[in-house]
Amino acid sequence: MSLDTKEVGELLSRIALKDRSAFEALYSLTGSRLYHLLVTIVKDEGLAADLLQEGFLKLWFRQHSYPIEYPWAWLCQSMRNLAIDELRKARYSKEVSVSDPMSEADKGLATLENGAHPEHQKLSYCLQALTPEKRSVIVLAYEHGMSHEEIVEHVKSPLGTVKSWIRRGLMELKRCLN
């Protein structure tokens, strides 16, 4: 099933006007994919379900308009940000360790390759095309929700290098996915 980003944008516009049927349609259209995204990040199905509910509630009560150009990307980023905030809260109570960032990147790729959606397989293919360093820092940042400083500690590279790997890796992913 392919996701129509134009339809997502139209539904978001209607939700801004408090259209309940648009809200239900958006949940039906995107809920499963967003749930899987959240599970990938937080590694807990119950927590992912709670975050999905929280994200949709925030969406409903938001008082401003939504981005028209990239509505699906905006929606994914909003949910990802919720998950990262939750992970960071959890880190204050107990330290989460990632022993080997390269193996964590490979685990992330295995999760994507086992995904049911063709987009996951394409993303996995594009991630494989990156250098191990770029792939590692992108997975640590976007799947594990690590800050740049945390990534620097794990990969033992300077902050500027980590930022460059992330930026260049994201540019390469964008080219590969388009």
N, C-alpha and C. Protein backbone atom coordinates (compact mmCIF):
# COMPACT_ATOMS: atom_id res chain seq x y z
N MET A 1 0.84 -1.17 0.00
CA MET A 1 0.00 0.00 0.00
C MET A 1 0.88 1.24 0.00
N SER A 2 0.72 2.08 -0.98
CA SER A 2 1.51 3.29 -1.09
C SER A 2 0.79 4.42 -0.36
N LEU A 3 1.56 5.27 0.28
CA LEU A 3 1.00 6.38 1.04
C LEU A 3 0.93 7.61 0.15
N ASP A 4 -0.25 8.20 0.04
CA ASP A 4 -0.46 9.40 -0.75
C ASP A 4 -0.22 10.62 0.13
N THR A 5 0.94 11.26 -0.05
CA THR A 5 1.28 12.38 0.83
C THR A 5 0.35 13.57 0.61
N LYS A 6 -0.19 13.71 -0.59
CA LYS A 6 -1.15 14.78 -0.84
C LYS A 6 -2.40 14.56 0.02
N GLU A 7 -2.83 13.31 0.10
CA GLU A 7 -4.00 12.99 0.93
C GLU A 7 -3.71 13.28 2.40
N VAL A 8 -2.50 12.95 2.86
CA VAL A 8 -2.12 13.25 4.25
C VAL A 8 -2.21 14.75 4.49
N GLY A 9 -1.71 15.54 3.54
CA GLY A 9 -1.77 16.99 3.67
C GLY A 9 -3.19 17.52 3.72
N GLU A 10 -4.05 16.97 2.88
CA GLU A 10 -5.46 17.40 2.88
C GLU A 10 -6.14 17.03 4.20
N LEU A 11 -5.84 15.85 4.70
CA LEU A 11 -6.43 15.43 5.97
C LEU A 11 -5.94 16.32 7.12
N LEU A 12 -4.66 16.65 7.12
CA LEU A 12 -4.12 17.54 8.15
C LEU A 12 -4.79 18.91 8.11
N SER A 13 -5.03 19.41 6.91
CA SER A 13 -5.70 20.71 6.77
C SER A 13 -7.11 20.65 7.33
N ARG A 14 -7.80 19.55 7.09
CA ARG A 14 -9.16 19.38 7.61
C ARG A 14 -9.15 19.19 9.13
N ILE A 15 -8.12 18.52 9.64
CA ILE A 15 -8.02 18.33 11.09
C ILE A 15 -7.83 19.68 11.78
N ALA A 16 -7.10 20.59 11.14
CA ALA A 16 -6.92 21.93 11.71
C ALA A 16 -8.26 22.62 11.91
N LEU A 17 -9.26 22.22 11.11
CA LEU A 17 -10.62 22.77 11.23
C LEU A 17 -11.49 21.91 12.14
N LYS A 18 -10.87 20.94 12.84
CA LYS A 18 -11.53 20.02 13.77
C LYS A 18 -12.54 19.09 13.09
N ASP A 19 -12.16 18.60 11.91
CA ASP A 19 -12.97 17.63 11.18
C ASP A 19 -12.68 16.23 11.72
N ARG A 20 -13.63 15.69 12.47
CA ARG A 20 -13.46 14.40 13.13
C ARG A 20 -13.27 13.26 12.13
N SER A 21 -13.99 13.30 11.01
CA SER A 21 -13.85 12.23 10.01
C SER A 21 -12.45 12.25 9.38
N ALA A 22 -11.88 13.44 9.22
CA ALA A 22 -10.52 13.54 8.68
C ALA A 22 -9.52 12.97 9.68
N PHE A 23 -9.76 13.21 10.96
CA PHE A 23 -8.90 12.68 12.01
C PHE A 23 -8.92 11.15 11.98
N GLU A 24 -10.11 10.57 11.88
CA GLU A 24 -10.24 9.12 11.82
C GLU A 24 -9.59 8.57 10.55
N ALA A 25 -9.77 9.26 9.44
CA ALA A 25 -9.18 8.81 8.17
C ALA A 25 -7.65 8.86 8.23
N LEU A 26 -7.11 9.93 8.83
CA LEU A 26 -5.66 10.04 8.95
C LEU A 26 -5.11 8.91 9.84
N TYR A 27 -5.81 8.63 10.92
CA TYR A 27 -5.36 7.54 11.79
C TYR A 27 -5.39 6.21 11.04
N SER A 28 -6.45 5.96 10.30
CA SER A 28 -6.56 4.71 9.53
C SER A 28 -5.46 4.61 8.48
N LEU A 29 -5.15 5.73 7.86
CA LEU A 29 -4.17 5.76 6.79
C LEU A 29 -2.74 5.62 7.30
N THR A 30 -2.44 6.26 8.44
CA THR A 30 -1.04 6.36 8.87
C THR A 30 -0.73 5.66 10.19
N GLY A 31 -1.74 5.31 10.97
CA GLY A 31 -1.52 4.78 12.32
C GLY A 31 -0.58 3.59 12.38
N SER A 32 -0.78 2.63 11.49
CA SER A 32 0.05 1.42 11.50
C SER A 32 1.51 1.74 11.21
N ARG A 33 1.75 2.56 10.22
CA ARG A 33 3.13 2.91 9.87
C ARG A 33 3.82 3.71 10.98
N LEU A 34 3.07 4.64 11.56
CA LEU A 34 3.64 5.44 12.64
C LEU A 34 3.90 4.57 13.87
N TYR A 35 3.02 3.64 14.13
CA TYR A 35 3.22 2.71 15.25
C TYR A 35 4.51 1.92 15.06
N HIS A 36 4.72 1.40 13.86
CA HIS A 36 5.94 0.63 13.58
C HIS A 36 7.19 1.50 13.70
N LEU A 37 7.09 2.74 13.27
CA LEU A 37 8.20 3.68 13.43
C LEU A 37 8.52 3.85 14.92
N LEU A 38 7.49 4.04 15.73
CA LEU A 38 7.68 4.23 17.16
C LEU A 38 8.24 2.98 17.83
N VAL A 39 7.77 1.80 17.44
CA VAL A 39 8.29 0.55 18.00
C VAL A 39 9.77 0.42 17.68
N THR A 40 10.14 0.78 16.46
CA THR A 40 11.54 0.71 16.06
C THR A 40 12.41 1.60 16.94
N ILE A 41 11.88 2.74 17.32
CA ILE A 41 12.67 3.69 18.12
C ILE A 41 12.68 3.31 19.60
N VAL A 42 11.52 3.04 20.19
CA VAL A 42 11.46 2.82 21.64
C VAL A 42 11.61 1.36 22.05
N LYS A 43 11.49 0.43 21.10
CA LYS A 43 11.67 -1.01 21.36
C LYS A 43 10.67 -1.56 22.38
N ASP A 44 9.49 -0.97 22.46
CA ASP A 44 8.48 -1.41 23.41
C ASP A 44 7.11 -1.14 22.79
N GLU A 45 6.36 -2.21 22.52
CA GLU A 45 5.07 -2.07 21.82
C GLU A 45 4.06 -1.26 22.64
N GLY A 46 4.02 -1.49 23.95
CA GLY A 46 3.07 -0.75 24.79
C GLY A 46 3.38 0.73 24.82
N LEU A 47 4.65 1.05 24.98
CA LEU A 47 5.07 2.45 24.99
C LEU A 47 4.82 3.09 23.63
N ALA A 48 5.07 2.34 22.56
CA ALA A 48 4.83 2.86 21.21
C ALA A 48 3.35 3.19 21.02
N ALA A 49 2.47 2.32 21.52
CA ALA A 49 1.03 2.57 21.40
C ALA A 49 0.64 3.82 22.19
N ASP A 50 1.22 3.99 23.38
CA ASP A 50 0.94 5.19 24.18
C ASP A 50 1.43 6.45 23.47
N LEU A 51 2.61 6.38 22.89
CA LEU A 51 3.16 7.54 22.18
C LEU A 51 2.34 7.87 20.94
N LEU A 52 1.86 6.84 20.25
CA LEU A 52 1.01 7.08 19.07
C LEU A 52 -0.25 7.82 19.49
N GLN A 53 -0.87 7.36 20.57
CA GLN A 53 -2.07 8.03 21.07
C GLN A 53 -1.76 9.47 21.47
N GLU A 54 -0.67 9.67 22.19
CA GLU A 54 -0.28 11.01 22.60
C GLU A 54 -0.03 11.91 21.39
N GLY A 55 0.64 11.35 20.38
CA GLY A 55 0.92 12.13 19.17
C GLY A 55 -0.34 12.55 18.45
N PHE A 56 -1.29 11.66 18.34
CA PHE A 56 -2.54 12.00 17.67
C PHE A 56 -3.37 12.98 18.49
N LEU A 57 -3.32 12.87 19.82
CA LEU A 57 -4.02 13.85 20.65
C LEU A 57 -3.41 15.23 20.48
N LYS A 58 -2.08 15.30 20.45
CA LYS A 58 -1.43 16.59 20.22
C LYS A 58 -1.81 17.15 18.86
N LEU A 59 -1.89 16.28 17.89
CA LEU A 59 -2.28 16.69 16.54
C LEU A 59 -3.67 17.31 16.56
N TRP A 60 -4.59 16.69 17.27
CA TRP A 60 -5.98 17.17 17.32
C TRP A 60 -6.07 18.52 18.03
N PHE A 61 -5.32 18.70 19.10
CA PHE A 61 -5.44 19.92 19.90
C PHE A 61 -4.52 21.05 19.45
N ARG A 62 -3.67 20.80 18.47
CA ARG A 62 -2.75 21.83 17.97
C ARG A 62 -3.58 22.97 17.35
N GLN A 63 -3.17 24.19 17.58
CA GLN A 63 -3.95 25.35 17.18
C GLN A 63 -3.44 26.06 15.92
N HIS A 64 -2.50 25.46 15.21
CA HIS A 64 -1.99 26.14 14.03
C HIS A 64 -2.09 25.23 12.81
N SER A 65 -1.72 25.78 11.67
CA SER A 65 -1.81 25.00 10.43
C SER A 65 -0.63 24.03 10.33
N TYR A 66 -0.75 23.11 9.39
CA TYR A 66 0.25 22.07 9.21
C TYR A 66 1.04 22.32 7.94
N PRO A 67 2.24 21.79 7.85
CA PRO A 67 3.06 22.01 6.65
C PRO A 67 2.39 21.38 5.43
N ILE A 68 2.34 22.11 4.37
CA ILE A 68 1.68 21.63 3.16
C ILE A 68 2.65 20.88 2.27
N GLU A 69 3.91 21.29 2.26
CA GLU A 69 4.87 20.73 1.31
C GLU A 69 5.25 19.28 1.61
N TYR A 70 5.52 18.96 2.87
CA TYR A 70 5.94 17.60 3.24
C TYR A 70 5.14 17.10 4.45
N PRO A 71 3.86 16.88 4.30
CA PRO A 71 3.02 16.52 5.45
C PRO A 71 3.38 15.18 6.07
N TRP A 72 3.70 14.17 5.26
CA TRP A 72 4.03 12.86 5.80
C TRP A 72 5.34 12.92 6.56
N ALA A 73 6.32 13.61 6.01
CA ALA A 73 7.62 13.74 6.70
C ALA A 73 7.43 14.49 8.02
N TRP A 74 6.60 15.53 8.00
CA TRP A 74 6.34 16.29 9.22
C TRP A 74 5.68 15.41 10.27
N LEU A 75 4.73 14.60 9.86
CA LEU A 75 4.02 13.72 10.79
C LEU A 75 4.98 12.68 11.39
N CYS A 76 5.82 12.08 10.55
CA CYS A 76 6.83 11.12 11.04
C CYS A 76 7.79 11.79 12.01
N GLN A 77 8.25 12.98 11.66
CA GLN A 77 9.20 13.70 12.52
C GLN A 77 8.55 14.04 13.86
N SER A 78 7.29 14.42 13.85
CA SER A 78 6.58 14.73 15.10
C SER A 78 6.53 13.52 16.01
N MET A 79 6.21 12.36 15.44
CA MET A 79 6.14 11.13 16.23
C MET A 79 7.54 10.73 16.70
N ARG A 80 8.52 10.87 15.84
CA ARG A 80 9.91 10.54 16.21
C ARG A 80 10.35 11.41 17.37
N ASN A 81 10.02 12.70 17.33
CA ASN A 81 10.40 13.61 18.40
C ASN A 81 9.77 13.20 19.73
N LEU A 82 8.50 12.75 19.69
CA LEU A 82 7.86 12.25 20.90
C LEU A 82 8.63 11.07 21.47
N ALA A 83 9.00 10.15 20.60
CA ALA A 83 9.72 8.95 21.03
C ALA A 83 11.08 9.32 21.62
N ILE A 84 11.79 10.23 20.99
CA ILE A 84 13.09 10.65 21.48
C ILE A 84 12.96 11.34 22.84
N ASP A 85 11.95 12.18 22.99
CA ASP A 85 11.72 12.81 24.28
C ASP A 85 11.50 11.76 25.37
N GLU A 86 10.73 10.73 25.04
CA GLU A 86 10.45 9.67 26.00
C GLU A 86 11.73 8.90 26.35
N LEU A 87 12.55 8.61 25.35
CA LEU A 87 13.81 7.91 25.60
C LEU A 87 14.74 8.74 26.47
N ARG A 88 14.77 10.02 26.22
CA ARG A 88 15.64 10.89 27.02
C ARG A 88 15.16 10.97 28.46
N LYS A 89 13.85 10.97 28.66
CA LYS A 89 13.32 10.94 30.03
C LYS A 89 13.76 9.66 30.73
N ALA A 90 13.69 8.55 30.01
CA ALA A 90 14.06 7.26 30.59
C ALA A 90 15.55 7.21 30.92
N ARG A 91 16.38 7.89 30.15
CA ARG A 91 17.82 7.88 30.39
C ARG A 91 18.19 8.54 31.71
N TYR A 92 17.36 9.49 32.15
CA TYR A 92 17.66 10.13 33.42
C TYR A 92 17.50 9.16 34.58
N SER A 93 16.58 8.20 34.44
CA SER A 93 16.39 7.25 35.53
C SER A 93 17.33 6.06 35.43
N LYS A 94 17.70 5.65 34.23
CA LYS A 94 18.70 4.58 34.07
C LYS A 94 19.46 4.81 32.78
N GLU A 95 20.73 4.56 32.82
CA GLU A 95 21.60 4.80 31.66
C GLU A 95 21.40 3.70 30.63
N VAL A 96 21.18 4.10 29.38
CA VAL A 96 21.05 3.16 28.28
C VAL A 96 22.39 3.10 27.59
N SER A 97 22.91 1.90 27.37
CA SER A 97 24.22 1.82 26.73
C SER A 97 24.11 1.11 25.39
N VAL A 98 24.84 1.61 24.45
CA VAL A 98 24.97 0.98 23.15
C VAL A 98 26.45 0.63 23.04
N SER A 99 26.76 -0.64 23.19
CA SER A 99 28.16 -1.04 23.26
C SER A 99 28.90 -0.86 21.95
N ASP A 100 28.32 -1.32 20.87
CA ASP A 100 28.99 -1.25 19.58
C ASP A 100 28.08 -0.57 18.57
N PRO A 101 28.36 0.70 18.23
CA PRO A 101 27.47 1.42 17.33
C PRO A 101 27.34 0.77 15.96
N MET A 102 28.38 0.12 15.49
CA MET A 102 28.29 -0.52 14.17
C MET A 102 27.30 -1.68 14.23
N SER A 103 27.33 -2.48 15.30
CA SER A 103 26.39 -3.59 15.40
C SER A 103 24.98 -3.07 15.62
N GLU A 104 24.83 -1.92 16.30
CA GLU A 104 23.51 -1.32 16.47
C GLU A 104 22.95 -0.88 15.12
N ALA A 105 23.81 -0.36 14.26
CA ALA A 105 23.36 0.04 12.92
C ALA A 105 22.91 -1.19 12.14
N ASP A 106 23.64 -2.29 12.26
CA ASP A 106 23.26 -3.52 11.57
C ASP A 106 21.94 -4.07 12.10
N LYS A 107 21.71 -3.96 13.43
CA LYS A 107 20.43 -4.39 14.00
C LYS A 107 19.30 -3.54 13.44
N GLY A 108 19.55 -2.24 13.31
CA GLY A 108 18.53 -1.35 12.74
C GLY A 108 18.21 -1.74 11.31
N LEU A 109 19.23 -2.10 10.54
CA LEU A 109 18.99 -2.52 9.16
C LEU A 109 18.20 -3.82 9.11
N ALA A 110 18.50 -4.74 10.00
CA ALA A 110 17.76 -6.01 10.03
C ALA A 110 16.30 -5.76 10.34
N THR A 111 16.02 -4.84 11.25
CA THR A 111 14.64 -4.50 11.57
C THR A 111 13.93 -3.95 10.34
N LEU A 112 14.60 -3.07 9.60
CA LEU A 112 14.00 -2.50 8.40
C LEU A 112 13.78 -3.56 7.32
N GLU A 113 14.77 -4.44 7.14
CA GLU A 113 14.65 -5.45 6.10
C GLU A 113 13.52 -6.41 6.39
N ASN A 114 13.21 -6.64 7.65
CA ASN A 114 12.12 -7.53 8.02
C ASN A 114 10.77 -6.82 7.98
N GLY A 115 10.78 -5.52 7.72
CA GLY A 115 9.54 -4.75 7.68
C GLY A 115 8.66 -5.16 6.51
N ALA A 116 7.36 -4.98 6.70
CA ALA A 116 6.40 -5.39 5.68
C ALA A 116 6.25 -4.35 4.57
N HIS A 117 6.65 -3.13 4.82
CA HIS A 117 6.42 -2.08 3.84
C HIS A 117 7.59 -1.97 2.86
N PRO A 118 7.30 -1.77 1.58
CA PRO A 118 8.38 -1.61 0.59
C PRO A 118 9.29 -0.43 0.91
N GLU A 119 8.74 0.61 1.58
CA GLU A 119 9.56 1.75 1.95
C GLU A 119 10.69 1.33 2.89
N HIS A 120 10.41 0.37 3.77
CA HIS A 120 11.43 -0.10 4.70
C HIS A 120 12.56 -0.79 3.95
N GLN A 121 12.19 -1.58 2.96
CA GLN A 121 13.21 -2.29 2.18
C GLN A 121 14.06 -1.29 1.39
N LYS A 122 13.43 -0.28 0.84
CA LYS A 122 14.17 0.74 0.09
C LYS A 122 15.11 1.50 1.03
N LEU A 123 14.60 1.87 2.21
CA LEU A 123 15.44 2.57 3.17
C LEU A 123 16.62 1.70 3.59
N SER A 124 16.36 0.42 3.82
CA SER A 124 17.43 -0.51 4.18
C SER A 124 18.49 -0.57 3.09
N TYR A 125 18.05 -0.65 1.84
CA TYR A 125 18.97 -0.68 0.70
C TYR A 125 19.83 0.59 0.69
N CYS A 126 19.18 1.73 0.88
CA CYS A 126 19.91 3.01 0.84
C CYS A 126 20.86 3.14 2.03
N LEU A 127 20.46 2.67 3.20
CA LEU A 127 21.36 2.70 4.35
C LEU A 127 22.59 1.83 4.12
N GLN A 128 22.39 0.67 3.48
CA GLN A 128 23.51 -0.22 3.19
C GLN A 128 24.53 0.44 2.26
N ALA A 129 24.04 1.36 1.41
CA ALA A 129 24.93 2.02 0.46
C ALA A 129 25.83 3.06 1.13
N LEU A 130 25.48 3.47 2.35
CA LEU A 130 26.29 4.45 3.07
C LEU A 130 27.55 3.81 3.63
N THR A 131 28.54 4.64 3.92
CA THR A 131 29.73 4.12 4.60
C THR A 131 29.30 3.68 6.00
N PRO A 132 30.04 2.76 6.61
CA PRO A 132 29.67 2.30 7.96
C PRO A 132 29.58 3.44 8.98
N GLU A 133 30.46 4.42 8.86
CA GLU A 133 30.45 5.53 9.81
C GLU A 133 29.16 6.34 9.69
N LYS A 134 28.79 6.69 8.46
CA LYS A 134 27.58 7.47 8.25
C LYS A 134 26.35 6.69 8.67
N ARG A 135 26.32 5.41 8.29
CA ARG A 135 25.18 4.56 8.65
C ARG A 135 25.05 4.48 10.17
N SER A 136 26.15 4.28 10.85
CA SER A 136 26.15 4.14 12.30
C SER A 136 25.59 5.39 12.99
N VAL A 137 26.11 6.56 12.62
CA VAL A 137 25.67 7.78 13.31
C VAL A 137 24.22 8.11 12.99
N ILE A 138 23.77 7.80 11.79
CA ILE A 138 22.37 8.05 11.44
C ILE A 138 21.45 7.13 12.24
N VAL A 139 21.82 5.87 12.35
CA VAL A 139 21.00 4.93 13.13
C VAL A 139 20.99 5.34 14.61
N LEU A 140 22.14 5.72 15.14
CA LEU A 140 22.20 6.13 16.54
C LEU A 140 21.34 7.38 16.77
N ALA A 141 21.37 8.31 15.84
CA ALA A 141 20.60 9.54 16.00
C ALA A 141 19.11 9.32 15.79
N TYR A 142 18.74 8.66 14.72
CA TYR A 142 17.34 8.60 14.34
C TYR A 142 16.60 7.38 14.86
N GLU A 143 17.28 6.31 15.14
CA GLU A 143 16.60 5.14 15.70
C GLU A 143 16.71 5.10 17.21
N HIS A 144 17.89 5.45 17.73
CA HIS A 144 18.10 5.39 19.17
C HIS A 144 17.89 6.72 19.86
N GLY A 145 17.69 7.78 19.08
CA GLY A 145 17.39 9.08 19.65
C GLY A 145 18.53 9.74 20.39
N MET A 146 19.75 9.39 20.03
CA MET A 146 20.91 9.97 20.71
C MET A 146 21.18 11.39 20.22
N SER A 147 21.65 12.22 21.14
CA SER A 147 22.08 13.56 20.76
C SER A 147 23.46 13.46 20.10
N HIS A 148 23.88 14.55 19.48
CA HIS A 148 25.21 14.56 18.84
C HIS A 148 26.30 14.27 19.87
N GLU A 149 26.16 14.84 21.05
CA GLU A 149 27.18 14.64 22.09
C GLU A 149 27.26 13.17 22.51
N GLU A 150 26.10 12.53 22.62
CA GLU A 150 26.08 11.11 23.00
C GLU A 150 26.73 10.26 21.90
N ILE A 151 26.47 10.61 20.66
CA ILE A 151 27.06 9.87 19.54
C ILE A 151 28.58 10.02 19.55
N VAL A 152 29.05 11.24 19.82
CA VAL A 152 30.50 11.50 19.90
C VAL A 152 31.14 10.56 20.92
N GLU A 153 30.49 10.39 22.07
CA GLU A 153 31.04 9.50 23.10
C GLU A 153 31.09 8.05 22.63
N HIS A 154 30.09 7.62 21.88
CA HIS A 154 30.02 6.22 21.45
C HIS A 154 30.96 5.90 20.30
N VAL A 155 31.09 6.82 19.36
CA VAL A 155 31.92 6.52 18.19
C VAL A 155 33.34 7.05 18.33
N LYS A 156 33.58 7.81 19.41
CA LYS A 156 34.93 8.32 19.69
C LYS A 156 35.49 9.14 18.53
N SER A 157 34.64 10.03 18.00
CA SER A 157 35.05 10.94 16.92
C SER A 157 34.66 12.36 17.32
N PRO A 158 35.32 13.36 16.74
CA PRO A 158 35.01 14.75 17.07
C PRO A 158 33.58 15.13 16.66
N LEU A 159 33.02 16.10 17.37
CA LEU A 159 31.66 16.56 17.13
C LEU A 159 31.46 17.01 15.68
N GLY A 160 32.39 17.78 15.15
CA GLY A 160 32.27 18.26 13.77
C GLY A 160 32.22 17.11 12.77
N THR A 161 33.00 16.07 13.02
CA THR A 161 33.01 14.91 12.14
C THR A 161 31.66 14.19 12.19
N VAL A 162 31.14 14.01 13.40
CA VAL A 162 29.84 13.34 13.56
C VAL A 162 28.75 14.13 12.84
N LYS A 163 28.73 15.44 13.03
CA LYS A 163 27.73 16.27 12.36
C LYS A 163 27.85 16.17 10.84
N SER A 164 29.08 16.16 10.35
CA SER A 164 29.30 16.04 8.90
C SER A 164 28.82 14.68 8.39
N TRP A 165 29.13 13.62 9.11
CA TRP A 165 28.67 12.29 8.70
C TRP A 165 27.14 12.24 8.64
N ILE A 166 26.50 12.82 9.64
CA ILE A 166 25.03 12.81 9.66
C ILE A 166 24.50 13.61 8.47
N ARG A 167 25.00 14.82 8.28
CA ARG A 167 24.50 15.67 7.20
C ARG A 167 24.74 15.03 5.84
N ARG A 168 25.95 14.57 5.60
CA ARG A 168 26.26 13.95 4.31
C ARG A 168 25.48 12.65 4.11
N GLY A 169 25.36 11.88 5.19
CA GLY A 169 24.60 10.63 5.10
C GLY A 169 23.15 10.88 4.77
N LEU A 170 22.55 11.90 5.39
CA LEU A 170 21.15 12.23 5.11
C LEU A 170 20.98 12.72 3.67
N MET A 171 21.96 13.47 3.17
CA MET A 171 21.90 13.92 1.78
C MET A 171 21.97 12.73 0.84
N GLU A 172 22.85 11.77 1.13
CA GLU A 172 22.97 10.57 0.30
C GLU A 172 21.69 9.74 0.37
N LEU A 173 21.10 9.64 1.57
CA LEU A 173 19.84 8.90 1.70
C LEU A 173 18.74 9.56 0.88
N LYS A 174 18.68 10.87 0.93
CA LYS A 174 17.66 11.61 0.18
C LYS A 174 17.80 11.34 -1.31
N ARG A 175 19.04 11.41 -1.81
CA ARG A 175 19.27 11.13 -3.24
C ARG A 175 18.88 9.70 -3.59
N CYS A 176 19.22 8.77 -2.73
CA CYS A 176 18.93 7.36 -3.00
C CYS A 176 17.43 7.09 -2.97
N LEU A 177 16.73 7.72 -2.04
CA LEU A 177 15.30 7.45 -1.89
C LEU A 177 14.45 8.15 -2.96
N ASN A 178 14.99 9.19 -3.57
CA ASN A 178 14.21 9.92 -4.59
C ASN A 178 14.40 9.34 -5.97
